[in-house]
Amino acid sequence: MIKAAASLIAFLIAAPVGSETINVRGHGAVDLDTFECRDITRSSLIQRVCYDHAQHTMIVGIKGRYDQYCELPQPTFDGFMTAPSMGQFFNQNISGSGTSGRYDCRIHRHR
């Protein structure tokens, strides 16, 4: 029993670490290798936030669904992360319906 547990621990330590990939609505599989991700516990709406500082791209997890926002400036991201109400800040400053979203990736593609 101890030998089996030691073998399992050795296997897990030696196993290659791969980056995480998630399915983003409208984009398919997205590799999170370049993103800094944070699990959110202080919001009833926002569950997870991932931000790529170099590309100014944010992925937000809401109720098990991920959406992507492009050309989101660092100060807007910082404001979102420190807002008293992340959900309210998100709804007022980041999200939008259809093509009216200020940072909707269908409109704002990487340059």
Protein backbone atom coordinates (compact mmCIF):
# COMPACT_ATOMS: atom_id res chain seq x y z
CA MET A 1 0.00 0.00 0.00
CA ILE A 2 2.77 2.44 0.93
CA LYS A 3 4.75 1.46 -2.16
CA ALA A 4 1.70 2.12 -4.37
CA ALA A 5 1.14 5.53 -2.78
CA ALA A 6 4.81 6.43 -3.19
CA SER A 7 4.68 5.37 -6.84
CA LEU A 8 1.60 7.51 -7.43
CA ILE A 9 3.22 10.55 -5.81
CA ALA A 10 6.38 10.05 -7.88
CA PHE A 11 4.28 9.77 -11.06
CA LEU A 12 2.39 12.99 -10.27
CA ILE A 13 5.60 14.89 -9.54
CA ALA A 14 7.25 13.68 -12.75
CA ALA A 15 4.16 14.18 -14.94
CA PRO A 16 4.53 16.97 -17.48
CA VAL A 17 2.59 20.10 -16.66
CA GLY A 18 0.44 21.33 -19.52
CA SER A 19 -1.33 24.61 -19.79
CA GLU A 20 -5.05 24.82 -19.23
CA THR A 21 -7.44 25.12 -22.16
CA ILE A 22 -11.02 26.31 -21.79
CA ASN A 23 -13.94 26.60 -24.19
CA VAL A 24 -14.84 30.25 -24.78
CA ARG A 25 -18.22 31.09 -26.25
CA GLY A 26 -17.80 32.19 -29.86
CA HIS A 27 -14.09 31.35 -29.94
CA GLY A 28 -13.78 27.65 -29.15
CA ALA A 29 -10.78 26.33 -27.26
CA VAL A 30 -8.47 28.98 -25.79
CA ASP A 31 -5.11 28.12 -24.23
CA LEU A 32 -4.62 30.04 -20.98
CA ASP A 33 -0.83 29.78 -21.07
CA THR A 34 -0.37 33.56 -21.51
CA PHE A 35 -3.21 34.52 -19.14
CA GLU A 36 -3.07 35.27 -15.44
CA CYS A 37 -6.19 33.68 -13.94
CA ARG A 38 -7.91 34.34 -10.62
CA ASP A 39 -10.81 32.52 -9.04
CA ILE A 40 -13.29 35.07 -7.70
CA THR A 41 -15.09 34.42 -4.42
CA ARG A 42 -16.37 37.91 -3.60
CA SER A 43 -18.88 38.20 -6.46
CA SER A 44 -22.20 36.45 -6.92
CA LEU A 45 -21.92 36.93 -10.72
CA ILE A 46 -18.22 36.62 -11.62
CA GLN A 47 -16.58 33.26 -10.91
CA ARG A 48 -13.22 33.51 -12.66
CA VAL A 49 -11.17 36.16 -14.46
CA CYS A 50 -8.20 35.58 -16.75
CA TYR A 51 -6.24 38.48 -18.25
CA ASP A 52 -3.47 38.50 -20.86
CA HIS A 53 -1.51 41.67 -20.05
CA ALA A 54 0.41 41.73 -23.35
CA GLN A 55 -2.66 41.28 -25.58
CA HIS A 56 -5.10 43.21 -23.34
CA THR A 57 -7.54 40.31 -23.55
CA MET A 58 -9.77 39.20 -20.70
CA ILE A 59 -11.78 36.03 -20.26
CA VAL A 60 -14.56 36.07 -17.69
CA GLY A 61 -16.27 33.01 -16.22
CA ILE A 62 -19.92 33.56 -15.37
CA LYS A 63 -22.12 30.66 -14.29
CA GLY A 64 -19.83 28.08 -15.95
CA ARG A 65 -19.65 29.94 -19.27
CA TYR A 66 -16.59 31.84 -20.49
CA ASP A 67 -16.70 35.00 -22.61
CA GLN A 68 -13.74 36.87 -24.08
CA TYR A 69 -13.18 40.63 -24.22
CA CYS A 70 -10.52 42.23 -26.46
CA GLU A 71 -8.49 45.44 -26.31
CA LEU A 72 -9.40 45.89 -22.64
CA PRO A 73 -6.95 48.45 -21.20
CA GLN A 74 -5.01 47.62 -18.05
CA PRO A 75 -6.65 50.47 -16.05
CA THR A 76 -10.11 49.08 -16.89
CA PHE A 77 -9.01 45.60 -15.80
CA ASP A 78 -7.57 47.04 -12.57
CA GLY A 79 -10.80 48.96 -11.92
CA PHE A 80 -12.81 45.79 -12.48
CA MET A 81 -10.68 43.76 -10.09
CA THR A 82 -10.87 46.38 -7.32
CA ALA A 83 -14.47 47.52 -7.80
CA PRO A 84 -16.74 47.27 -4.75
CA SER A 85 -19.20 45.39 -6.98
CA MET A 86 -17.46 43.44 -9.74
CA GLY A 87 -20.79 42.51 -11.35
CA GLN A 88 -21.97 46.11 -11.48
CA PHE A 89 -18.63 47.33 -12.87
CA PHE A 90 -18.64 44.53 -15.44
CA ASN A 91 -22.17 45.29 -16.60
CA GLN A 92 -21.63 49.05 -16.78
CA ASN A 93 -18.10 49.22 -18.20
CA ILE A 94 -17.18 45.99 -20.01
CA SER A 95 -20.04 43.82 -21.23
CA GLY A 96 -22.66 44.69 -23.77
CA SER A 97 -25.25 42.94 -25.82
CA GLY A 98 -24.45 41.85 -29.36
CA THR A 99 -22.14 44.18 -31.23
CA SER A 100 -22.73 47.08 -28.84
CA GLY A 101 -20.20 45.72 -26.34
CA ARG A 102 -17.32 48.13 -25.96
CA TYR A 103 -14.78 45.29 -25.76
CA ASP A 104 -16.66 42.66 -27.77
CA CYS A 105 -14.01 40.57 -29.56
CA ARG A 106 -16.20 40.37 -32.67
CA ILE A 107 -15.57 44.09 -33.10
CA HIS A 108 -12.24 44.61 -31.34
CA ARG A 109 -9.74 42.16 -32.79
CA HIS A 110 -6.05 42.10 -31.92
CA ARG A 111 -4.07 44.41 -34.13
